[in-house]
PDB file of all heavy atoms in Angstrom:
ATOM      1  N   ALA A   1      53.445 -46.080   2.311  1.00  0.00           N
ATOM      2  CA  ALA A   1      54.644 -46.206   2.969  1.00  0.00           C
ATOM      3  C   ALA A   1      55.526 -47.455   2.624  1.00  0.00           C
ATOM      4  O   ALA A   1      56.649 -47.627   3.117  1.00  0.00           O
ATOM      5  CB  ALA A   1      54.370 -46.210   4.463  1.00  0.00           C
ATOM      6  N   ASN A   2      54.998 -48.342   1.879  1.00  0.00           N
ATOM      7  CA  ASN A   2      55.656 -49.580   1.524  1.00  0.00           C
ATOM      8  C   ASN A   2      55.992 -49.547   0.037  1.00  0.00           C
ATOM      9  O   ASN A   2      55.167 -49.410  -0.804  1.00  0.00           O
ATOM     10  CB  ASN A   2      54.697 -50.762   2.001  1.00  0.00           C
ATOM     11  CG  ASN A   2      55.422 -52.063   1.565  1.00  0.00           C
ATOM     12  OD1 ASN A   2      55.639 -52.524   0.472  1.00  0.00           O
ATOM     13  ND2 ASN A   2      55.679 -52.833   2.645  1.00  0.00           N
ATOM     14  N   ALA A   3      57.312 -49.710  -0.227  1.00  0.00           N
ATOM     15  CA  ALA A   3      57.773 -49.604  -1.635  1.00  0.00           C
ATOM     16  C   ALA A   3      57.038 -50.595  -2.581  1.00  0.00           C
ATOM     17  O   ALA A   3      56.643 -50.189  -3.673  1.00  0.00           O
ATOM     18  CB  ALA A   3      59.272 -49.899  -1.753  1.00  0.00           C
ATOM     19  N   GLU A   4      56.840 -51.889  -2.145  1.00  0.00           N
ATOM     20  CA  GLU A   4      56.176 -52.848  -3.028  1.00  0.00           C
ATOM     21  C   GLU A   4      54.819 -52.505  -3.282  1.00  0.00           C
ATOM     22  O   GLU A   4      54.255 -52.545  -4.396  1.00  0.00           O
ATOM     23  CB  GLU A   4      56.384 -54.224  -2.548  1.00  0.00           C
ATOM     24  CG  GLU A   4      55.744 -55.325  -3.351  1.00  0.00           C
ATOM     25  CD  GLU A   4      55.900 -56.732  -2.902  1.00  0.00           C
ATOM     26  OE1 GLU A   4      56.774 -56.967  -2.029  1.00  0.00           O
ATOM     27  OE2 GLU A   4      55.131 -57.579  -3.129  1.00  0.00           O
ATOM     28  N   LEU A   5      54.074 -52.119  -2.219  1.00  0.00           N
ATOM     29  CA  LEU A   5      52.639 -51.814  -2.355  1.00  0.00           C
ATOM     30  C   LEU A   5      52.475 -50.441  -3.125  1.00  0.00           C
ATOM     31  O   LEU A   5      51.553 -50.294  -3.976  1.00  0.00           O
ATOM     32  CB  LEU A   5      52.039 -51.680  -0.978  1.00  0.00           C
ATOM     33  CG  LEU A   5      51.913 -52.958  -0.244  1.00  0.00           C
ATOM     34  CD1 LEU A   5      51.392 -52.652   1.192  1.00  0.00           C
ATOM     35  CD2 LEU A   5      51.146 -53.984  -0.867  1.00  0.00           C
ATOM     36  N   HIS A   6      53.292 -49.567  -2.857  1.00  0.00           N
ATOM     37  CA  HIS A   6      53.305 -48.273  -3.615  1.00  0.00           C
ATOM     38  C   HIS A   6      53.454 -48.505  -5.142  1.00  0.00           C
ATOM     39  O   HIS A   6      52.742 -47.871  -5.949  1.00  0.00           O
ATOM     40  CB  HIS A   6      54.400 -47.335  -3.081  1.00  0.00           C
ATOM     41  CG  HIS A   6      54.518 -46.113  -3.833  1.00  0.00           C
ATOM     42  ND1 HIS A   6      55.251 -45.884  -4.928  1.00  0.00           N
ATOM     43  CD2 HIS A   6      54.014 -44.726  -3.630  1.00  0.00           C
ATOM     44  CE1 HIS A   6      55.265 -44.642  -5.454  1.00  0.00           C
ATOM     45  NE2 HIS A   6      54.472 -44.014  -4.511  1.00  0.00           N
ATOM     46  N   ARG A   7      54.491 -49.267  -5.483  1.00  0.00           N
ATOM     47  CA  ARG A   7      54.745 -49.619  -6.892  1.00  0.00           C
ATOM     48  C   ARG A   7      53.545 -50.291  -7.512  1.00  0.00           C
ATOM     49  O   ARG A   7      53.142 -49.917  -8.704  1.00  0.00           O
ATOM     50  CB  ARG A   7      56.052 -50.402  -7.004  1.00  0.00           C
ATOM     51  CG  ARG A   7      56.412 -50.821  -8.433  1.00  0.00           C
ATOM     52  CD  ARG A   7      57.691 -51.577  -8.557  1.00  0.00           C
ATOM     53  NE  ARG A   7      57.739 -52.757  -7.614  1.00  0.00           N
ATOM     54  CZ  ARG A   7      58.425 -52.913  -6.628  1.00  0.00           C
ATOM     55  NH1 ARG A   7      59.155 -51.816  -6.062  1.00  0.00           N
ATOM     56  NH2 ARG A   7      58.422 -54.012  -5.906  1.00  0.00           N
ATOM     57  N   ALA A   8      52.929 -51.241  -6.822  1.00  0.00           N
ATOM     58  CA  ALA A   8      51.802 -51.945  -7.388  1.00  0.00           C
ATOM     59  C   ALA A   8      50.607 -51.064  -7.584  1.00  0.00           C
ATOM     60  O   ALA A   8      49.951 -51.078  -8.624  1.00  0.00           O
ATOM     61  CB  ALA A   8      51.422 -53.010  -6.543  1.00  0.00           C
ATOM     62  N   MET A   9      50.390 -50.114  -6.604  1.00  0.00           N
ATOM     63  CA  MET A   9      49.218 -49.228  -6.672  1.00  0.00           C
ATOM     64  C   MET A   9      49.433 -48.232  -7.896  1.00  0.00           C
ATOM     65  O   MET A   9      48.463 -48.090  -8.776  1.00  0.00           O
ATOM     66  CB  MET A   9      49.038 -48.450  -5.386  1.00  0.00           C
ATOM     67  CG  MET A   9      48.046 -47.353  -5.515  1.00  0.00           C
ATOM     68  SD  MET A   9      47.613 -46.508  -3.883  1.00  0.00           S
ATOM     69  CE  MET A   9      49.351 -45.877  -3.525  1.00  0.00           C
ATOM     70  N   PHE A  10      50.553 -47.601  -8.024  1.00  0.00           N
ATOM     71  CA  PHE A  10      50.741 -46.681  -9.026  1.00  0.00           C
ATOM     72  C   PHE A  10      50.891 -47.266 -10.430  1.00  0.00           C
ATOM     73  O   PHE A  10      50.640 -46.517 -11.386  1.00  0.00           O
ATOM     74  CB  PHE A  10      51.858 -45.560  -8.631  1.00  0.00           C
ATOM     75  CG  PHE A  10      51.285 -44.636  -7.605  1.00  0.00           C
ATOM     76  CD1 PHE A  10      51.454 -44.767  -6.278  1.00  0.00           C
ATOM     77  CD2 PHE A  10      50.530 -43.479  -8.124  1.00  0.00           C
ATOM     78  CE1 PHE A  10      51.052 -43.881  -5.391  1.00  0.00           C
ATOM     79  CE2 PHE A  10      50.111 -42.593  -7.191  1.00  0.00           C
ATOM     80  CZ  PHE A  10      50.248 -42.714  -5.787  1.00  0.00           C
ATOM     81  N   ALA A  11      51.397 -48.382 -10.478  1.00  0.00           N
ATOM     82  CA  ALA A  11      51.550 -49.123 -11.797  1.00  0.00           C
ATOM     83  C   ALA A  11      50.187 -49.308 -12.454  1.00  0.00           C
ATOM     84  O   ALA A  11      50.175 -49.344 -13.656  1.00  0.00           O
ATOM     85  CB  ALA A  11      52.280 -50.448 -11.565  1.00  0.00           C
ATOM     86  N   GLY A  12      49.172 -49.298 -11.639  1.00  0.00           N
ATOM     87  CA  GLY A  12      47.833 -49.557 -12.236  1.00  0.00           C
ATOM     88  C   GLY A  12      47.064 -48.329 -12.721  1.00  0.00           C
ATOM     89  O   GLY A  12      46.014 -48.396 -13.277  1.00  0.00           O
ATOM     90  N   ILE A  13      47.638 -47.098 -12.544  1.00  0.00           N
ATOM     91  CA  ILE A  13      47.082 -45.765 -12.786  1.00  0.00           C
ATOM     92  C   ILE A  13      47.697 -45.336 -14.129  1.00  0.00           C
ATOM     93  O   ILE A  13      48.933 -45.306 -14.347  1.00  0.00           O
ATOM     94  CB  ILE A  13      47.325 -44.792 -11.728  1.00  0.00           C
ATOM     95  CG1 ILE A  13      46.665 -45.305 -10.410  1.00  0.00           C
ATOM     96  CG2 ILE A  13      46.583 -43.465 -12.131  1.00  0.00           C
ATOM     97  CD1 ILE A  13      46.953 -44.440  -9.293  1.00  0.00           C
ATOM     98  N   ARG A  14      46.751 -45.056 -15.044  1.00  0.00           N
ATOM     99  CA  ARG A  14      47.112 -44.618 -16.448  1.00  0.00           C
ATOM    100  C   ARG A  14      47.358 -43.102 -16.580  1.00  0.00           C
ATOM    101  O   ARG A  14      46.570 -42.424 -17.181  1.00  0.00           O
ATOM    102  CB  ARG A  14      46.116 -45.123 -17.429  1.00  0.00           C
ATOM    103  CG  ARG A  14      46.071 -46.683 -17.553  1.00  0.00           C
ATOM    104  CD  ARG A  14      47.148 -47.179 -18.324  1.00  0.00           C
ATOM    105  NE  ARG A  14      47.331 -46.525 -19.760  1.00  0.00           N
ATOM    106  CZ  ARG A  14      46.594 -46.903 -20.763  1.00  0.00           C
ATOM    107  NH1 ARG A  14      45.698 -47.822 -20.722  1.00  0.00           N
ATOM    108  NH2 ARG A  14      46.780 -46.127 -21.802  1.00  0.00           N
ATOM    109  N   PHE A  15      48.357 -42.585 -15.953  1.00  0.00           N
ATOM    110  CA  PHE A  15      48.719 -41.103 -16.040  1.00  0.00           C
ATOM    111  C   PHE A  15      48.948 -40.763 -17.505  1.00  0.00           C
ATOM    112  O   PHE A  15      48.659 -39.545 -17.824  1.00  0.00           O
ATOM    113  CB  PHE A  15      49.991 -40.844 -15.275  1.00  0.00           C
ATOM    114  CG  PHE A  15      49.606 -40.827 -13.698  1.00  0.00           C
ATOM    115  CD1 PHE A  15      50.102 -41.873 -12.900  1.00  0.00           C
ATOM    116  CD2 PHE A  15      48.997 -39.810 -13.168  1.00  0.00           C
ATOM    117  CE1 PHE A  15      49.938 -42.024 -11.588  1.00  0.00           C
ATOM    118  CE2 PHE A  15      48.736 -39.849 -11.777  1.00  0.00           C
ATOM    119  CZ  PHE A  15      49.182 -40.886 -11.039  1.00  0.00           C
ATOM    120  N   ASP A  16      49.188 -41.695 -18.356  1.00  0.00           N
ATOM    121  CA  ASP A  16      49.472 -41.248 -19.837  1.00  0.00           C
ATOM    122  C   ASP A  16      48.218 -40.749 -20.519  1.00  0.00           C
ATOM    123  O   ASP A  16      48.393 -40.039 -21.514  1.00  0.00           O
ATOM    124  CB  ASP A  16      50.146 -42.537 -20.558  1.00  0.00           C
ATOM    125  CG  ASP A  16      49.130 -43.610 -20.484  1.00  0.00           C
ATOM    126  OD1 ASP A  16      48.914 -44.187 -19.390  1.00  0.00           O
ATOM    127  OD2 ASP A  16      48.640 -44.095 -21.605  1.00  0.00           O
ATOM    128  N   VAL A  17      47.037 -41.188 -19.932  1.00  0.00           N
ATOM    129  CA  VAL A  17      45.887 -40.733 -20.763  1.00  0.00           C
ATOM    130  C   VAL A  17      45.335 -39.383 -20.300  1.00  0.00           C
ATOM    131  O   VAL A  17      44.440 -38.786 -20.784  1.00  0.00           O
ATOM    132  CB  VAL A  17      44.674 -41.770 -20.567  1.00  0.00           C
ATOM    133  CG1 VAL A  17      45.074 -43.029 -21.011  1.00  0.00           C
ATOM    134  CG2 VAL A  17      44.196 -41.770 -19.165  1.00  0.00           C
ATOM    135  N   GLY A  18      46.064 -38.832 -19.226  1.00  0.00           N
ATOM    136  CA  GLY A  18      45.577 -37.487 -18.607  1.00  0.00           C
ATOM    137  C   GLY A  18      44.420 -37.500 -17.793  1.00  0.00           C
ATOM    138  O   GLY A  18      43.968 -38.573 -17.340  1.00  0.00           O
ATOM    139  N   TRP A  19      43.869 -36.299 -17.416  1.00  0.00           N
ATOM    140  CA  TRP A  19      42.784 -36.140 -16.490  1.00  0.00           C
ATOM    141  C   TRP A  19      41.527 -35.940 -17.071  1.00  0.00           C
ATOM    142  O   TRP A  19      40.522 -35.696 -16.384  1.00  0.00           O
ATOM    143  CB  TRP A  19      43.158 -35.059 -15.417  1.00  0.00           C
ATOM    144  CG  TRP A  19      44.291 -35.397 -14.540  1.00  0.00           C
ATOM    145  CD1 TRP A  19      45.567 -35.209 -14.666  1.00  0.00           C
ATOM    146  CD2 TRP A  19      44.134 -36.062 -13.283  1.00  0.00           C
ATOM    147  NE1 TRP A  19      46.371 -35.620 -13.733  1.00  0.00           N
ATOM    148  CE2 TRP A  19      45.409 -36.084 -12.704  1.00  0.00           C
ATOM    149  CE3 TRP A  19      43.068 -36.535 -12.588  1.00  0.00           C
ATOM    150  CZ2 TRP A  19      45.884 -36.732 -11.516  1.00  0.00           C
ATOM    151  CZ3 TRP A  19      43.410 -37.036 -11.251  1.00  0.00           C
ATOM    152  CH2 TRP A  19      44.720 -37.250 -10.792  1.00  0.00           C
ATOM    153  N   ARG A  20      41.295 -36.249 -18.376  1.00  0.00           N
ATOM    154  CA  ARG A  20      40.010 -35.988 -19.075  1.00  0.00           C
ATOM    155  C   ARG A  20      39.491 -37.266 -19.665  1.00  0.00           C
ATOM    156  O   ARG A  20      38.335 -37.321 -19.995  1.00  0.00           O
ATOM    157  CB  ARG A  20      40.126 -34.825 -20.069  1.00  0.00           C
ATOM    158  CG  ARG A  20      40.438 -33.616 -19.469  1.00  0.00           C
ATOM    159  CD  ARG A  20      40.501 -32.438 -20.515  1.00  0.00           C
ATOM    160  NE  ARG A  20      40.781 -31.146 -19.955  1.00  0.00           N
ATOM    161  CZ  ARG A  20      39.882 -30.313 -19.435  1.00  0.00           C
ATOM    162  NH1 ARG A  20      38.650 -30.659 -19.533  1.00  0.00           N
ATOM    163  NH2 ARG A  20      40.215 -29.234 -18.990  1.00  0.00           N
ATOM    164  N   ARG A  21      40.315 -38.188 -20.078  1.00  0.00           N
ATOM    165  CA  ARG A  21      39.943 -39.449 -20.778  1.00  0.00           C
ATOM    166  C   ARG A  21      39.820 -40.588 -19.951  1.00  0.00           C
ATOM    167  O   ARG A  21      40.370 -40.744 -18.852  1.00  0.00           O
ATOM    168  CB  ARG A  21      40.900 -39.604 -22.031  1.00  0.00           C
ATOM    169  CG  ARG A  21      40.863 -38.437 -23.036  1.00  0.00           C
ATOM    170  CD  ARG A  21      41.759 -38.782 -24.035  1.00  0.00           C
ATOM    171  NE  ARG A  21      43.103 -38.958 -23.848  1.00  0.00           N
ATOM    172  CZ  ARG A  21      44.067 -39.723 -24.341  1.00  0.00           C
ATOM    173  NH1 ARG A  21      43.696 -40.706 -25.321  1.00  0.00           N
ATOM    174  NH2 ARG A  21      45.219 -39.742 -23.856  1.00  0.00           N
ATOM    175  N   SER A  22      39.172 -41.656 -20.492  1.00  0.00           N
ATOM    176  CA  SER A  22      39.070 -42.945 -19.842  1.00  0.00           C
ATOM    177  C   SER A  22      40.159 -43.794 -20.535  1.00  0.00           C
ATOM    178  O   SER A  22      40.921 -43.376 -21.274  1.00  0.00           O
ATOM    179  CB  SER A  22      37.707 -43.557 -20.078  1.00  0.00           C
ATOM    180  OG  SER A  22      37.614 -44.752 -19.338  1.00  0.00           O
ATOM    181  N   ALA A  23      40.180 -45.112 -20.047  1.00  0.00           N
ATOM    182  CA  ALA A  23      41.104 -46.060 -20.610  1.00  0.00           C
ATOM    183  C   ALA A  23      40.472 -47.407 -20.581  1.00  0.00           C
ATOM    184  O   ALA A  23      39.698 -47.737 -19.588  1.00  0.00           O
ATOM    185  CB  ALA A  23      42.341 -46.048 -19.833  1.00  0.00           C
ATOM    186  N   GLU A  24      40.788 -48.146 -21.590  1.00  0.00           N
ATOM    187  CA  GLU A  24      40.174 -49.591 -21.626  1.00  0.00           C
ATOM    188  C   GLU A  24      40.779 -50.568 -20.599  1.00  0.00           C
ATOM    189  O   GLU A  24      39.992 -51.329 -20.097  1.00  0.00           O
ATOM    190  CB  GLU A  24      40.312 -50.183 -23.048  1.00  0.00           C
ATOM    191  CG  GLU A  24      39.350 -49.486 -24.058  1.00  0.00           C
ATOM    192  CD  GLU A  24      39.486 -50.125 -25.461  1.00  0.00           C
ATOM    193  OE1 GLU A  24      40.468 -51.071 -25.584  1.00  0.00           O
ATOM    194  OE2 GLU A  24      38.701 -49.852 -26.332  1.00  0.00           O
ATOM    195  N   GLU A  25      41.984 -50.317 -20.308  1.00  0.00           N
ATOM    196  CA  GLU A  25      42.693 -51.065 -19.250  1.00  0.00           C
ATOM    197  C   GLU A  25      43.405 -50.164 -18.300  1.00  0.00           C
ATOM    198  O   GLU A  25      43.970 -49.090 -18.758  1.00  0.00           O
ATOM    199  CB  GLU A  25      43.601 -52.043 -19.927  1.00  0.00           C
ATOM    200  CG  GLU A  25      42.917 -53.359 -20.476  1.00  0.00           C
ATOM    201  CD  GLU A  25      43.888 -54.470 -20.800  1.00  0.00           C
ATOM    202  OE1 GLU A  25      44.881 -54.163 -21.406  1.00  0.00           O
ATOM    203  OE2 GLU A  25      43.639 -55.548 -20.280  1.00  0.00           O
ATOM    204  N   GLY A  26      43.616 -50.587 -17.051  1.00  0.00           N
ATOM    205  CA  GLY A  26      44.242 -49.705 -16.081  1.00  0.00           C
ATOM    206  C   GLY A  26      43.155 -48.637 -15.612  1.00  0.00           C
ATOM    207  O   GLY A  26      42.071 -48.440 -16.207  1.00  0.00           O
ATOM    208  N   LEU A  27      43.574 -47.879 -14.629  1.00  0.00           N
ATOM    209  CA  LEU A  27      42.633 -46.955 -13.952  1.00  0.00           C
ATOM    210  C   LEU A  27      43.025 -45.515 -14.514  1.00  0.00           C
ATOM    211  O   LEU A  27      44.087 -44.888 -14.364  1.00  0.00           O
ATOM    212  CB  LEU A  27      42.918 -46.865 -12.486  1.00  0.00           C
ATOM    213  CG  LEU A  27      42.423 -48.180 -11.741  1.00  0.00           C
ATOM    214  CD1 LEU A  27      42.927 -48.113 -10.324  1.00  0.00           C
ATOM    215  CD2 LEU A  27      40.976 -48.302 -11.859  1.00  0.00           C
ATOM    216  N   PRO A  28      42.078 -44.857 -15.290  1.00  0.00           N
ATOM    217  CA  PRO A  28      42.333 -43.570 -15.619  1.00  0.00           C
ATOM    218  C   PRO A  28      42.363 -42.587 -14.526  1.00  0.00           C
ATOM    219  O   PRO A  28      41.375 -42.709 -13.720  1.00  0.00           O
ATOM    220  CB  PRO A  28      41.115 -43.324 -16.673  1.00  0.00           C
ATOM    221  CG  PRO A  28      40.081 -44.151 -16.218  1.00  0.00           C
ATOM    222  CD  PRO A  28      40.753 -45.386 -15.648  1.00  0.00           C
ATOM    223  N   PRO A  29      43.276 -41.605 -14.327  1.00  0.00           N
ATOM    224  CA  PRO A  29      43.255 -40.730 -13.158  1.00  0.00           C
ATOM    225  C   PRO A  29      41.973 -40.010 -13.024  1.00  0.00           C
ATOM    226  O   PRO A  29      41.525 -39.752 -11.884  1.00  0.00           O
ATOM    227  CB  PRO A  29      44.355 -39.716 -13.555  1.00  0.00           C
ATOM    228  CG  PRO A  29      45.250 -40.484 -14.450  1.00  0.00           C
ATOM    229  CD  PRO A  29      44.274 -41.472 -15.286  1.00  0.00           C
ATOM    230  N   ALA A  30      41.295 -39.640 -14.121  1.00  0.00           N
ATOM    231  CA  ALA A  30      39.962 -38.892 -13.954  1.00  0.00           C
ATOM    232  C   ALA A  30      38.841 -39.615 -13.282  1.00  0.00           C
ATOM    233  O   ALA A  30      37.899 -39.108 -12.811  1.00  0.00           O
ATOM    234  CB  ALA A  30      39.470 -38.420 -15.360  1.00  0.00           C
ATOM    235  N   ALA A  31      39.035 -41.038 -13.195  1.00  0.00           N
ATOM    236  CA  ALA A  31      38.073 -41.813 -12.463  1.00  0.00           C
ATOM    237  C   ALA A  31      38.316 -41.906 -10.984  1.00  0.00           C
ATOM    238  O   ALA A  31      37.518 -42.628 -10.230  1.00  0.00           O
ATOM    239  CB  ALA A  31      37.973 -43.146 -13.116  1.00  0.00           C
ATOM    240  N   LEU A  32      39.327 -41.429 -10.545  1.00  0.00           N
ATOM    241  CA  LEU A  32      39.822 -41.582  -9.052  1.00  0.00           C
ATOM    242  C   LEU A  32      39.142 -40.652  -8.107  1.00  0.00           C
ATOM    243  O   LEU A  32      39.402 -40.732  -6.868  1.00  0.00           O
ATOM    244  CB  LEU A  32      41.372 -41.485  -8.997  1.00  0.00           C
ATOM    245  CG  LEU A  32      42.083 -42.510  -9.872  1.00  0.00           C
ATOM    246  CD1 LEU A  32      43.598 -42.371  -9.750  1.00  0.00           C
ATOM    247  CD2 LEU A  32      41.748 -43.956  -9.506  1.00  0.00           C
ATOM    248  N   GLY A  33      38.461 -39.701  -8.604  1.00  0.00           N
ATOM    249  CA  GLY A  33      37.757 -38.783  -7.674  1.00  0.00           C
ATOM    250  C   GLY A  33      38.657 -37.794  -6.997  1.00  0.00           C
ATOM    251  O   GLY A  33      38.324 -37.149  -5.931  1.00  0.00           O
ATOM    252  N   ILE A  34      39.816 -37.455  -7.598  1.00  0.00           N
ATOM    253  CA  ILE A  34      40.744 -36.506  -7.051  1.00  0.00           C
ATOM    254  C   ILE A  34      40.215 -35.077  -7.435  1.00  0.00           C
ATOM    255  O   ILE A  34      39.893 -34.772  -8.452  1.00  0.00           O
ATOM    256  CB  ILE A  34      42.193 -36.718  -7.544  1.00  0.00           C
ATOM    257  CG1 ILE A  34      42.658 -38.214  -7.331  1.00  0.00           C
ATOM    258  CG2 ILE A  34      43.137 -35.825  -6.857  1.00  0.00           C
ATOM    259  CD1 ILE A  34      42.639 -38.579  -5.943  1.00  0.00           C
ATOM    260  N   GLU A  35      40.246 -34.214  -6.385  1.00  0.00           N
ATOM    261  CA  GLU A  35      39.777 -32.826  -6.566  1.00  0.00           C
ATOM    262  C   GLU A  35      40.769 -32.175  -7.544  1.00  0.00           C
ATOM    263  O   GLU A  35      41.941 -32.381  -7.483  1.00  0.00           O
ATOM    264  CB  GLU A  35      39.696 -32.106  -5.220  1.00  0.00           C
ATOM    265  CG  GLU A  35      38.667 -32.573  -4.364  1.00  0.00           C
ATOM    266  CD  GLU A  35      39.326 -33.766  -3.460  1.00  0.00           C
ATOM    267  OE1 GLU A  35      40.359 -34.208  -3.686  1.00  0.00           O
ATOM    268  OE2 GLU A  35      38.562 -34.150  -2.557  1.00  0.00           O
ATOM    269  N   PRO A  36      40.189 -31.218  -8.485  1.00  0.00           N
ATOM    270  CA  PRO A  36      41.177 -30.569  -9.502  1.00  0.00           C
ATOM    271  C   PRO A  36      42.365 -29.938  -8.817  1.00  0.00           C
ATOM    272  O   PRO A  36      43.487 -30.032  -9.316  1.00  0.00           O
ATOM    273  CB  PRO A  36      40.298 -29.577 -10.083  1.00  0.00           C
ATOM    274  CG  PRO A  36      38.902 -30.156  -9.920  1.00  0.00           C
ATOM    275  CD  PRO A  36      38.916 -30.848  -8.677  1.00  0.00           C
ATOM    276  N   GLY A  37      42.293 -29.335  -7.635  1.00  0.00           N
ATOM    277  CA  GLY A  37      43.428 -28.642  -6.992  1.00  0.00           C
ATOM    278  C   GLY A  37      44.407 -29.626  -6.399  1.00  0.00           C
ATOM    279  O   GLY A  37      45.531 -29.171  -6.044  1.00  0.00           O
ATOM    280  N   MET A  38      44.095 -30.886  -6.336  1.00  0.00           N
ATOM    281  CA  MET A  38      45.026 -31.851  -5.743  1.00  0.00           C
ATOM    282  C   MET A  38      45.642 -32.820  -6.748  1.00  0.00           C
ATOM    283  O   MET A  38      46.415 -33.676  -6.327  1.00  0.00           O
ATOM    284  CB  MET A  38      44.207 -32.708  -4.673  1.00  0.00           C
ATOM    285  CG  MET A  38      43.763 -31.856  -3.396  1.00  0.00           C
ATOM    286  SD  MET A  38      44.999 -31.091  -2.590  1.00  0.00           S
ATOM    287  CE  MET A  38      45.908 -32.518  -1.933  1.00  0.00           C
ATOM    288  N   ARG A  39      45.255 -32.577  -7.943  1.00  0.00           N
ATOM    289  CA  ARG A  39      45.670 -33.604  -8.977  1.00  0.00           C
ATOM    290  C   ARG A  39      47.203 -33.573  -9.159  1.00  0.00           C
ATOM    291  O   ARG A  39      47.838 -34.605  -9.472  1.00  0.00           O
ATOM    292  CB  ARG A  39      44.958 -33.380 -10.313  1.00  0.00           C
ATOM    293  CG  ARG A  39      43.417 -33.768 -10.164  1.00  0.00           C
ATOM    294  CD  ARG A  39      42.598 -33.353 -11.449  1.00  0.00           C
ATOM    295  NE  ARG A  39      41.261 -33.818 -11.324  1.00  0.00           N
ATOM    296  CZ  ARG A  39      40.273 -33.564 -12.075  1.00  0.00           C
ATOM    297  NH1 ARG A  39      40.641 -32.885 -13.295  1.00  0.00           N
ATOM    298  NH2 ARG A  39      38.985 -33.954 -12.016  1.00  0.00           N
ATOM    299  N   GLY A  40      47.697 -32.413  -9.202  1.00  0.00           N
ATOM    300  CA  GLY A  40      49.240 -32.251  -9.366  1.00  0.00           C
ATOM    301  C   GLY A  40      49.981 -32.837  -8.236  1.00  0.00           C
ATOM    302  O   GLY A  40      50.966 -33.722  -8.442  1.00  0.00           O
ATOM    303  N   ALA A  41      49.489 -32.755  -7.010  1.00  0.00           N
ATOM    304  CA  ALA A  41      50.178 -33.304  -5.921  1.00  0.00           C
ATOM    305  C   ALA A  41      49.960 -34.824  -5.868  1.00  0.00           C
ATOM    306  O   ALA A  41      50.977 -35.579  -5.621  1.00  0.00           O
ATOM    307  CB  ALA A  41      49.601 -32.732  -4.644  1.00  0.00           C
ATOM    308  N   PHE A  42      48.869 -35.378  -6.340  1.00  0.00           N
ATOM    309  CA  PHE A  42      48.754 -36.765  -6.402  1.00  0.00           C
ATOM    310  C   PHE A  42      49.603 -37.386  -7.503  1.00  0.00           C
ATOM    311  O   PHE A  42      50.200 -38.409  -7.300  1.00  0.00           O
ATOM    312  CB  PHE A  42      47.213 -37.086  -6.742  1.00  0.00           C
ATOM    313  CG  PHE A  42      46.938 -38.504  -6.801  1.00  0.00           C
ATOM    314  CD1 PHE A  42      46.777 -39.352  -5.644  1.00  0.00           C
ATOM    315  CD2 PHE A  42      46.793 -39.163  -7.987  1.00  0.00           C
ATOM    316  CE1 PHE A  42      46.530 -40.635  -5.787  1.00  0.00           C
ATOM    317  CE2 PHE A  42      46.584 -40.461  -8.093  1.00  0.00           C
ATOM    318  CZ  PHE A  42      46.356 -41.301  -6.902  1.00  0.00           C
ATOM    319  N   SER A  43      49.691 -36.676  -8.610  1.00  0.00           N
ATOM    320  CA  SER A  43      50.610 -37.237  -9.664  1.00  0.00           C
ATOM    321  C   SER A  43      52.001 -37.383  -9.146  1.00  0.00           C
ATOM    322  O   SER A  43      52.715 -38.258  -9.531  1.00  0.00           O
ATOM    323  CB  SER A  43      50.529 -36.230 -10.844  1.00  0.00           C
ATOM    324  OG  SER A  43      49.213 -36.249 -11.464  1.00  0.00           O
TER     325      SER A  43
END
């Protein structure tokens, strides 16, 4: 609900690597434990 906190949270997620791969830096989405049916909504 807070613009600054929202920006900081999602800036750390590596949506560019997709939902199957890992990443050396940043958080790969596949490591976030999001159920397959909810991944589009989370994105």
